[in-house]
PDB file of N, CA and C in Angstrom:
ATOM      1  N   UNK A   1     -10.218  -0.069   7.756  1.00  0.00           N
ATOM      2  CA  UNK A   1      -9.279   0.961   8.100  1.00  0.00           C
ATOM      3  C   UNK A   1      -8.037   0.908   7.237  1.00  0.00           C
ATOM      4  N   UNK A   2      -7.899  -0.096   6.402  1.00  0.00           N
ATOM      5  CA  UNK A   2      -6.694  -0.091   5.611  1.00  0.00           C
ATOM      6  C   UNK A   2      -6.641  -1.111   4.500  1.00  0.00           C
ATOM      7  N   UNK A   3      -7.271  -2.239   4.657  1.00  0.00           N
ATOM      8  CA  UNK A   3      -7.134  -3.307   3.675  1.00  0.00           C
ATOM      9  C   UNK A   3      -7.877  -3.062   2.379  1.00  0.00           C
ATOM     10  N   UNK A   4      -8.762  -2.132   2.349  1.00  0.00           N
ATOM     11  CA  UNK A   4      -9.601  -1.931   1.178  1.00  0.00           C
ATOM     12  C   UNK A   4      -8.781  -1.623  -0.061  1.00  0.00           C
ATOM     13  N   UNK A   5      -7.717  -0.848   0.055  1.00  0.00           N
ATOM     14  CA  UNK A   5      -6.959  -0.468  -1.130  1.00  0.00           C
ATOM     15  C   UNK A   5      -5.679  -1.246  -1.310  1.00  0.00           C
ATOM     16  N   UNK A   6      -5.299  -2.062  -0.363  1.00  0.00           N
ATOM     17  CA  UNK A   6      -4.039  -2.784  -0.473  1.00  0.00           C
ATOM     18  C   UNK A   6      -4.213  -4.082  -1.239  1.00  0.00           C
ATOM     19  N   UNK A   7      -3.193  -4.407  -2.005  1.00  0.00           N
ATOM     20  CA  UNK A   7      -3.154  -5.694  -2.689  1.00  0.00           C
ATOM     21  C   UNK A   7      -4.163  -5.848  -3.802  1.00  0.00           C
ATOM     22  N   UNK A   8      -4.359  -4.836  -4.613  1.00  0.00           N
ATOM     23  CA  UNK A   8      -5.333  -4.958  -5.692  1.00  0.00           C
ATOM     24  C   UNK A   8      -4.912  -6.001  -6.724  1.00  0.00           C
ATOM     25  N   UNK A   9      -3.635  -5.994  -7.073  1.00  0.00           N
ATOM     26  CA  UNK A   9      -3.136  -7.031  -7.970  1.00  0.00           C
ATOM     27  C   UNK A   9      -2.596  -8.165  -7.098  1.00  0.00           C
ATOM     28  N   UNK A  10      -2.680  -9.369  -7.592  1.00  0.00           N
ATOM     29  CA  UNK A  10      -2.206 -10.517  -6.819  1.00  0.00           C
ATOM     30  C   UNK A  10      -0.733 -10.393  -6.463  1.00  0.00           C
ATOM     31  N   UNK A  11       0.013  -9.650  -7.246  1.00  0.00           N
ATOM     32  CA  UNK A  11       1.438  -9.473  -6.987  1.00  0.00           C
ATOM     33  C   UNK A  11       1.678  -8.938  -5.577  1.00  0.00           C
ATOM     34  N   UNK A  12       0.820  -8.038  -5.139  1.00  0.00           N
ATOM     35  CA  UNK A  12       0.998  -7.412  -3.832  1.00  0.00           C
ATOM     36  C   UNK A  12       0.329  -8.212  -2.722  1.00  0.00           C
ATOM     37  N   UNK A  13      -0.695  -8.937  -3.022  1.00  0.00           N
ATOM     38  CA  UNK A  13      -1.413  -9.685  -2.000  1.00  0.00           C
ATOM     39  C   UNK A  13      -0.811 -11.049  -1.695  1.00  0.00           C
ATOM     40  N   UNK A  14       0.143 -11.486  -2.498  1.00  0.00           N
ATOM     41  CA  UNK A  14       0.697 -12.822  -2.350  1.00  0.00           C
ATOM     42  C   UNK A  14       1.866 -12.892  -1.367  1.00  0.00           C
ATOM     43  N   UNK A  15       2.161 -11.822  -0.687  1.00  0.00           N
ATOM     44  CA  UNK A  15       3.285 -11.832   0.255  1.00  0.00           C
ATOM     45  C   UNK A  15       2.910 -12.600   1.512  1.00  0.00           C
ATOM     46  N   UNK A  16       3.733 -13.542   1.885  1.00  0.00           N
ATOM     47  CA  UNK A  16       3.487 -14.284   3.118  1.00  0.00           C
ATOM     48  C   UNK A  16       3.624 -13.341   4.304  1.00  0.00           C
ATOM     49  N   UNK A  17       2.663 -13.355   5.171  1.00  0.00           N
ATOM     50  CA  UNK A  17       2.718 -12.512   6.360  1.00  0.00           C
ATOM     51  C   UNK A  17       2.268 -11.078   6.135  1.00  0.00           C
ATOM     52  N   UNK A  18       1.910 -10.720   4.910  1.00  0.00           N
ATOM     53  CA  UNK A  18       1.531  -9.342   4.624  1.00  0.00           C
ATOM     54  C   UNK A  18       0.322  -8.875   5.447  1.00  0.00           C
ATOM     55  N   UNK A  19      -0.722  -9.697   5.625  1.00  0.00           N
ATOM     56  CA  UNK A  19      -1.852  -9.228   6.431  1.00  0.00           C
ATOM     57  C   UNK A  19      -1.460  -8.906   7.871  1.00  0.00           C
ATOM     58  N   UNK A  20      -0.604  -9.712   8.452  1.00  0.00           N
ATOM     59  CA  UNK A  20      -0.153  -9.444   9.819  1.00  0.00           C
ATOM     60  C   UNK A  20       0.666  -8.162   9.866  1.00  0.00           C
ATOM     61  N   UNK A  21       1.593  -8.019   8.935  1.00  0.00           N
ATOM     62  CA  UNK A  21       2.421  -6.815   8.896  1.00  0.00           C
ATOM     63  C   UNK A  21       1.558  -5.578   8.684  1.00  0.00           C
ATOM     64  N   UNK A  22       0.577  -5.692   7.802  1.00  0.00           N
ATOM     65  CA  UNK A  22      -0.302  -4.557   7.544  1.00  0.00           C
ATOM     66  C   UNK A  22      -1.112  -4.203   8.793  1.00  0.00           C
ATOM     67  N   UNK A  23      -1.611  -5.199   9.467  1.00  0.00           N
ATOM     68  CA  UNK A  23      -2.371  -4.946  10.691  1.00  0.00           C
ATOM     69  C   UNK A  23      -1.542  -4.242  11.742  1.00  0.00           C
ATOM     70  N   UNK A  24      -0.301  -4.652  11.882  1.00  0.00           N
ATOM     71  CA  UNK A  24       0.593  -3.986  12.836  1.00  0.00           C
ATOM     72  C   UNK A  24       0.861  -2.544  12.422  1.00  0.00           C
ATOM     73  N   UNK A  25       1.057  -2.334  11.121  1.00  0.00           N
ATOM     74  CA  UNK A  25       1.291  -0.985  10.619  1.00  0.00           C
ATOM     75  C   UNK A  25       0.096  -0.083  10.890  1.00  0.00           C
ATOM     76  N   UNK A  26      -1.098  -0.581  10.617  1.00  0.00           N
ATOM     77  CA  UNK A  26      -2.313   0.188  10.890  1.00  0.00           C
ATOM     78  C   UNK A  26      -2.385   0.538  12.370  1.00  0.00           C
ATOM     79  N   UNK A  27      -2.122  -0.429  13.225  1.00  0.00           N
ATOM     80  CA  UNK A  27      -2.201  -0.197  14.671  1.00  0.00           C
ATOM     81  C   UNK A  27      -1.197   0.853  15.125  1.00  0.00           C
ATOM     82  N   UNK A  28       0.034   0.768  14.638  1.00  0.00           N
ATOM     83  CA  UNK A  28       1.076   1.711  15.054  1.00  0.00           C
ATOM     84  C   UNK A  28       0.759   3.116  14.567  1.00  0.00           C
ATOM     85  N   UNK A  29       0.377   3.249  13.313  1.00  0.00           N
ATOM     86  CA  UNK A  29       0.083   4.577  12.764  1.00  0.00           C
ATOM     87  C   UNK A  29      -1.151   5.164  13.444  1.00  0.00           C
ATOM     88  N   UNK A  30      -2.178   4.374  13.631  1.00  0.00           N
ATOM     89  CA  UNK A  30      -3.388   4.869  14.279  1.00  0.00           C
ATOM     90  C   UNK A  30      -3.110   5.258  15.732  1.00  0.00           C
ATOM     91  N   UNK A  31      -2.337   4.459  16.435  1.00  0.00           N
ATOM     92  CA  UNK A  31      -1.984   4.789  17.822  1.00  0.00           C
ATOM     93  C   UNK A  31      -1.202   6.094  17.881  1.00  0.00           C
ATOM     94  N   UNK A  32      -0.312   6.305  16.936  1.00  0.00           N
ATOM     95  CA  UNK A  32       0.446   7.550  16.893  1.00  0.00           C
ATOM     96  C   UNK A  32      -0.480   8.740  16.663  1.00  0.00           C
ATOM     97  N   UNK A  33      -1.434   8.593  15.758  1.00  0.00           N
ATOM     98  CA  UNK A  33      -2.389   9.678  15.486  1.00  0.00           C
ATOM     99  C   UNK A  33      -3.259   9.956  16.712  1.00  0.00           C
ATOM    100  N   UNK A  34      -3.706   8.916  17.386  1.00  0.00           N
ATOM    101  CA  UNK A  34      -4.546   9.075  18.579  1.00  0.00           C
ATOM    102  C   UNK A  34      -3.772   9.781  19.687  1.00  0.00           C
ATOM    103  N   UNK A  35      -2.477   9.486  19.792  1.00  0.00           N
ATOM    104  CA  UNK A  35      -1.666  10.093  20.854  1.00  0.00           C
ATOM    105  C   UNK A  35      -1.449  11.591  20.659  1.00  0.00           C
ATOM    106  N   UNK A  36      -1.714  12.086  19.469  1.00  0.00           N
ATOM    107  CA  UNK A  36      -1.460  13.496  19.164  1.00  0.00           C
ATOM    108  C   UNK A  36      -2.694  14.381  19.300  1.00  0.00           C
ATOM    109  N   UNK A  37      -3.837  13.803  19.619  1.00  0.00           N
ATOM    110  CA  UNK A  37      -5.060  14.601  19.735  1.00  0.00           C
ATOM    111  C   UNK A  37      -6.040  13.918  20.681  1.00  0.00           C
ATOM    112  N   UNK A  38      -6.979  14.689  21.162  1.00  0.00           N
ATOM    113  CA  UNK A  38      -8.029  14.123  22.011  1.00  0.00           C
ATOM    114  C   UNK A  38      -9.295  13.828  21.217  1.00  0.00           C
ATOM    115  N   UNK A  39      -9.314  14.249  19.984  1.00  0.00           N
ATOM    116  CA  UNK A  39     -10.494  14.085  19.141  1.00  0.00           C
ATOM    117  C   UNK A  39     -10.356  12.846  18.251  1.00  0.00           C
ATOM    118  N   UNK A  40     -11.355  11.978  18.302  1.00  0.00           N
ATOM    119  CA  UNK A  40     -11.361  10.789  17.441  1.00  0.00           C
ATOM    120  C   UNK A  40     -11.401  11.219  15.974  1.00  0.00           C
ATOM    121  N   UNK A  41     -12.229  12.215  15.662  1.00  0.00           N
ATOM    122  CA  UNK A  41     -12.328  12.680  14.275  1.00  0.00           C
ATOM    123  C   UNK A  41     -10.992  13.210  13.769  1.00  0.00           C
ATOM    124  N   UNK A  42     -10.287  13.973  14.595  1.00  0.00           N
ATOM    125  CA  UNK A  42      -8.974  14.491  14.195  1.00  0.00           C
ATOM    126  C   UNK A  42      -7.969  13.362  14.026  1.00  0.00           C
ATOM    127  N   UNK A  43      -7.994  12.402  14.921  1.00  0.00           N
ATOM    128  CA  UNK A  43      -7.074  11.261  14.827  1.00  0.00           C
ATOM    129  C   UNK A  43      -7.318  10.481  13.538  1.00  0.00           C
ATOM    130  N   UNK A  44      -8.579  10.245  13.207  1.00  0.00           N
ATOM    131  CA  UNK A  44      -8.891   9.512  11.978  1.00  0.00           C
ATOM    132  C   UNK A  44      -8.526  10.322  10.739  1.00  0.00           C
ATOM    133  N   UNK A  45      -8.696  11.636  10.804  1.00  0.00           N
ATOM    134  CA  UNK A  45      -8.303  12.498   9.682  1.00  0.00           C
ATOM    135  C   UNK A  45      -6.789  12.464   9.488  1.00  0.00           C
ATOM    136  N   UNK A  46      -6.039  12.512  10.587  1.00  0.00           N
ATOM    137  CA  UNK A  46      -4.572  12.412  10.503  1.00  0.00           C
ATOM    138  C   UNK A  46      -4.161  11.076   9.904  1.00  0.00           C
ATOM    139  N   UNK A  47      -4.805  10.025  10.364  1.00  0.00           N
ATOM    140  CA  UNK A  47      -4.508   8.680   9.870  1.00  0.00           C
ATOM    141  C   UNK A  47      -4.750   8.604   8.359  1.00  0.00           C
ATOM    142  N   UNK A  48      -5.885   9.106   7.933  1.00  0.00           N
ATOM    143  CA  UNK A  48      -6.216   9.080   6.501  1.00  0.00           C
ATOM    144  C   UNK A  48      -5.225   9.892   5.689  1.00  0.00           C
ATOM    145  N   UNK A  49      -4.852  11.038   6.204  1.00  0.00           N
ATOM    146  CA  UNK A  49      -3.911  11.899   5.498  1.00  0.00           C
ATOM    147  C   UNK A  49      -2.547  11.208   5.345  1.00  0.00           C
ATOM    148  N   UNK A  50      -2.107  10.543   6.398  1.00  0.00           N
ATOM    149  CA  UNK A  50      -0.814   9.857   6.347  1.00  0.00           C
ATOM    150  C   UNK A  50      -0.835   8.681   5.383  1.00  0.00           C
ATOM    151  N   UNK A  51      -1.977   8.026   5.215  1.00  0.00           N
ATOM    152  CA  UNK A  51      -2.051   6.829   4.378  1.00  0.00           C
ATOM    153  C   UNK A  51      -2.455   7.099   2.932  1.00  0.00           C
ATOM    154  N   UNK A  52      -3.031   8.249   2.647  1.00  0.00           N
ATOM    155  CA  UNK A  52      -3.609   8.476   1.322  1.00  0.00           C
ATOM    156  C   UNK A  52      -2.603   8.284   0.191  1.00  0.00           C
ATOM    157  N   UNK A  53      -1.478   8.975   0.242  1.00  0.00           N
ATOM    158  CA  UNK A  53      -0.507   8.898  -0.850  1.00  0.00           C
ATOM    159  C   UNK A  53       0.037   7.479  -1.011  1.00  0.00           C
ATOM    160  N   UNK A  54       0.272   6.822   0.100  1.00  0.00           N
ATOM    161  CA  UNK A  54       0.761   5.437   0.061  1.00  0.00           C
ATOM    162  C   UNK A  54      -0.253   4.535  -0.652  1.00  0.00           C
ATOM    163  N   UNK A  55      -1.504   4.661  -0.289  1.00  0.00           N
ATOM    164  CA  UNK A  55      -2.553   3.845  -0.906  1.00  0.00           C
ATOM    165  C   UNK A  55      -2.702   4.164  -2.384  1.00  0.00           C
ATOM    166  N   UNK A  56      -2.580   5.440  -2.741  1.00  0.00           N
ATOM    167  CA  UNK A  56      -2.680   5.847  -4.141  1.00  0.00           C
ATOM    168  C   UNK A  56      -1.549   5.231  -4.965  1.00  0.00           C
ATOM    169  N   UNK A  57      -0.353   5.247  -4.416  1.00  0.00           N
ATOM    170  CA  UNK A  57       0.785   4.667  -5.124  1.00  0.00           C
ATOM    171  C   UNK A  57       0.569   3.173  -5.346  1.00  0.00           C
ATOM    172  N   UNK A  58       0.066   2.471  -4.343  1.00  0.00           N
ATOM    173  CA  UNK A  58      -0.198   1.029  -4.473  1.00  0.00           C
ATOM    174  C   UNK A  58      -1.265   0.782  -5.542  1.00  0.00           C
ATOM    175  N   UNK A  59      -2.328   1.552  -5.509  1.00  0.00           N
ATOM    176  CA  UNK A  59      -3.406   1.379  -6.492  1.00  0.00           C
ATOM    177  C   UNK A  59      -2.906   1.654  -7.910  1.00  0.00           C
ATOM    178  N   UNK A  60      -2.161   2.746  -8.076  1.00  0.00           N
ATOM    179  CA  UNK A  60      -1.646   3.091  -9.399  1.00  0.00           C
ATOM    180  C   UNK A  60      -0.684   2.023  -9.922  1.00  0.00           C
ATOM    181  N   UNK A  61       0.201   1.536  -9.051  1.00  0.00           N
ATOM    182  CA  UNK A  61       1.147   0.497  -9.463  1.00  0.00           C
ATOM    183  C   UNK A  61       0.408  -0.792  -9.805  1.00  0.00           C
ATOM    184  N   UNK A  62      -0.591  -1.126  -9.029  1.00  0.00           N
ATOM    185  CA  UNK A  62      -1.378  -2.327  -9.279  1.00  0.00           C
ATOM    186  C   UNK A  62      -2.068  -2.253 -10.638  1.00  0.00           C
ATOM    187  N   UNK A  63      -2.648  -1.108 -10.925  1.00  0.00           N
ATOM    188  CA  UNK A  63      -3.311  -0.912 -12.215  1.00  0.00           C
ATOM    189  C   UNK A  63      -2.307  -1.036 -13.360  1.00  0.00           C
ATOM    190  N   UNK A  64      -1.139  -0.440 -13.192  1.00  0.00           N
ATOM    191  CA  UNK A  64      -0.126  -0.518 -14.245  1.00  0.00           C
ATOM    192  C   UNK A  64       0.346  -1.953 -14.463  1.00  0.00           C
ATOM    193  N   UNK A  65       0.530  -2.701 -13.386  1.00  0.00           N
ATOM    194  CA  UNK A  65       0.919  -4.108 -13.526  1.00  0.00           C
ATOM    195  C   UNK A  65      -0.126  -4.893 -14.315  1.00  0.00           C
ATOM    196  N   UNK A  66      -1.379  -4.645 -14.013  1.00  0.00           N
ATOM    197  CA  UNK A  66      -2.454  -5.326 -14.744  1.00  0.00           C
ATOM    198  C   UNK A  66      -2.418  -4.955 -16.224  1.00  0.00           C
ATOM    199  N   UNK A  67      -2.161  -3.695 -16.512  1.00  0.00           N
ATOM    200  CA  UNK A  67      -2.071  -3.258 -17.923  1.00  0.00           C
ATOM    201  C   UNK A  67      -0.901  -3.931 -18.623  1.00  0.00           C
ATOM    202  N   UNK A  68       0.255  -3.995 -17.948  1.00  0.00           N
ATOM    203  CA  UNK A  68       1.408  -4.677 -18.544  1.00  0.00           C
ATOM    204  C   UNK A  68       1.054  -6.114 -18.904  1.00  0.00           C
ATOM    205  N   UNK A  69       0.358  -6.788 -18.019  1.00  0.00           N
ATOM    206  CA  UNK A  69       0.039  -8.197 -18.259  1.00  0.00           C
ATOM    207  C   UNK A  69      -1.038  -8.378 -19.326  1.00  0.00           C
ATOM    208  N   UNK A  70      -1.959  -7.435 -19.412  1.00  0.00           N
ATOM    209  CA  UNK A  70      -2.991  -7.527 -20.449  1.00  0.00           C
ATOM    210  C   UNK A  70      -2.402  -7.236 -21.828  1.00  0.00           C
ATOM    211  N   UNK A  71      -1.462  -6.301 -21.889  1.00  0.00           N
ATOM    212  CA  UNK A  71      -0.875  -5.925 -23.176  1.00  0.00           C
ATOM    213  C   UNK A  71       0.009  -7.049 -23.729  1.00  0.00           C
ATOM    214  N   UNK A  72       1.054  -7.376 -22.979  1.00  0.00           N
ATOM    215  CA  UNK A  72       1.992  -8.420 -23.424  1.00  0.00           C
ATOM    216  C   UNK A  72       2.894  -8.783 -22.252  1.00  0.00           C
ATOM    217  N   UNK A  73       2.510  -9.805 -21.493  1.00  0.00           N
ATOM    218  CA  UNK A  73       3.254 -10.137 -20.277  1.00  0.00           C
ATOM    219  C   UNK A  73       4.736 -10.433 -20.512  1.00  0.00           C
ATOM    220  N   UNK A  74       5.050 -11.130 -21.596  1.00  0.00           N
ATOM    221  CA  UNK A  74       6.454 -11.453 -21.859  1.00  0.00           C
ATOM    222  C   UNK A  74       7.253 -10.216 -22.251  1.00  0.00           C
ATOM    223  N   UNK A  75       6.688  -9.428 -23.108  1.00  0.00           N
ATOM    224  CA  UNK A  75       7.379  -8.209 -23.553  1.00  0.00           C
ATOM    225  C   UNK A  75       7.557  -7.224 -22.388  1.00  0.00           C
ATOM    226  N   UNK A  76       6.595  -7.171 -21.492  1.00  0.00           N
ATOM    227  CA  UNK A  76       6.612  -6.197 -20.395  1.00  0.00           C
ATOM    228  C   UNK A  76       7.174  -6.749 -19.087  1.00  0.00           C
ATOM    229  N   UNK A  77       7.773  -7.933 -19.121  1.00  0.00           N
ATOM    230  CA  UNK A  77       8.211  -8.562 -17.868  1.00  0.00           C
ATOM    231  C   UNK A  77       9.263  -7.733 -17.125  1.00  0.00           C
ATOM    232  N   UNK A  78      10.165  -7.073 -17.846  1.00  0.00           N
ATOM    233  CA  UNK A  78      11.184  -6.264 -17.171  1.00  0.00           C
ATOM    234  C   UNK A  78      10.565  -5.029 -16.520  1.00  0.00           C
ATOM    235  N   UNK A  79       9.610  -4.399 -17.203  1.00  0.00           N
ATOM    236  CA  UNK A  79       8.928  -3.251 -16.614  1.00  0.00           C
ATOM    237  C   UNK A  79       8.122  -3.671 -15.395  1.00  0.00           C
ATOM    238  N   UNK A  80       7.482  -4.841 -15.482  1.00  0.00           N
ATOM    239  CA  UNK A  80       6.697  -5.349 -14.350  1.00  0.00           C
ATOM    240  C   UNK A  80       7.596  -5.609 -13.150  1.00  0.00           C
ATOM    241  N   UNK A  81       8.727  -6.259 -13.392  1.00  0.00           N
ATOM    242  CA  UNK A  81       9.654  -6.564 -12.298  1.00  0.00           C
ATOM    243  C   UNK A  81      10.192  -5.281 -11.668  1.00  0.00           C
ATOM    244  N   UNK A  82      10.526  -4.301 -12.502  1.00  0.00           N
ATOM    245  CA  UNK A  82      11.044  -3.031 -11.990  1.00  0.00           C
ATOM    246  C   UNK A  82       9.990  -2.303 -11.168  1.00  0.00           C
ATOM    247  N   UNK A  83       8.756  -2.323 -11.633  1.00  0.00           N
ATOM    248  CA  UNK A  83       7.679  -1.657 -10.896  1.00  0.00           C
ATOM    249  C   UNK A  83       7.410  -2.358  -9.569  1.00  0.00           C
ATOM    250  N   UNK A  84       7.418  -3.675  -9.572  1.00  0.00           N
ATOM    251  CA  UNK A  84       7.239  -4.419  -8.317  1.00  0.00           C
ATOM    252  C   UNK A  84       8.349  -4.082  -7.323  1.00  0.00           C
ATOM    253  N   UNK A  85       9.584  -4.082  -7.785  1.00  0.00           N
ATOM    254  CA  UNK A  85      10.708  -3.770  -6.908  1.00  0.00           C
ATOM    255  C   UNK A  85      10.583  -2.351  -6.347  1.00  0.00           C
ATOM    256  N   UNK A  86      10.286  -1.407  -7.206  1.00  0.00           N
ATOM    257  CA  UNK A  86      10.135  -0.015  -6.768  1.00  0.00           C
ATOM    258  C   UNK A  86       9.019   0.111  -5.734  1.00  0.00           C
ATOM    259  N   UNK A  87       7.914  -0.562  -5.971  1.00  0.00           N
ATOM    260  CA  UNK A  87       6.774  -0.485  -5.057  1.00  0.00           C
ATOM    261  C   UNK A  87       7.084  -1.172  -3.726  1.00  0.00           C
ATOM    262  N   UNK A  88       7.728  -2.327  -3.771  1.00  0.00           N
ATOM    263  CA  UNK A  88       8.107  -3.010  -2.525  1.00  0.00           C
ATOM    264  C   UNK A  88       9.072  -2.152  -1.709  1.00  0.00           C
ATOM    265  N   UNK A  89      10.000  -1.485  -2.381  1.00  0.00           N
ATOM    266  CA  UNK A  89      10.926  -0.600  -1.679  1.00  0.00           C
ATOM    267  C   UNK A  89      10.164   0.554  -1.038  1.00  0.00           C
ATOM    268  N   UNK A  90       9.208   1.082  -1.748  1.00  0.00           N
ATOM    269  CA  UNK A  90       8.378   2.166  -1.201  1.00  0.00           C
ATOM    270  C   UNK A  90       7.599   1.683   0.026  1.00  0.00           C
ATOM    271  N   UNK A  91       7.052   0.487  -0.059  1.00  0.00           N
ATOM    272  CA  UNK A  91       6.277  -0.062   1.051  1.00  0.00           C
ATOM    273  C   UNK A  91       7.132  -0.267   2.302  1.00  0.00           C
ATOM    274  N   UNK A  92       8.431  -0.412   2.113  1.00  0.00           N
ATOM    275  CA  UNK A  92       9.329  -0.575   3.245  1.00  0.00           C
ATOM    276  C   UNK A  92       9.646   0.717   3.978  1.00  0.00           C
ATOM    277  N   UNK A  93       9.223   1.835   3.414  1.00  0.00           N
ATOM    278  CA  UNK A  93       9.476   3.139   4.025  1.00  0.00           C
ATOM    279  C   UNK A  93       8.427   3.425   5.107  1.00  0.00           C
ATOM    280  N   UNK A  94       8.823   4.152   6.143  1.00  0.00           N
ATOM    281  CA  UNK A  94       7.844   4.512   7.170  1.00  0.00           C
ATOM    282  C   UNK A  94       6.782   5.464   6.627  1.00  0.00           C
ATOM    283  N   UNK A  95       5.597   5.383   7.226  1.00  0.00           N
ATOM    284  CA  UNK A  95       4.561   6.336   6.836  1.00  0.00           C
ATOM    285  C   UNK A  95       4.402   7.285   7.961  1.00  0.00           C
TER     286      UNK A  95
END
């Protein structure tokens, strides 16, 4: 329901407590979607819609981090740090 796309690069998966936080986030968002409809299919569709852009941003950032490291990790260290910070800030936003 959620872990498949999260933490593709080790940078994102290495956070202490991240699995617990993610599980709570999934539960809260899914519960909110369920409370808005009587249909399981509609609730799951709402859940997917709310998470899609967030998951896409994580995947895209993860791919870019991997590219930075494959190209030249030392030369790209500032871009990598900036992308990590931007992504972590995004992850702190409500979905």
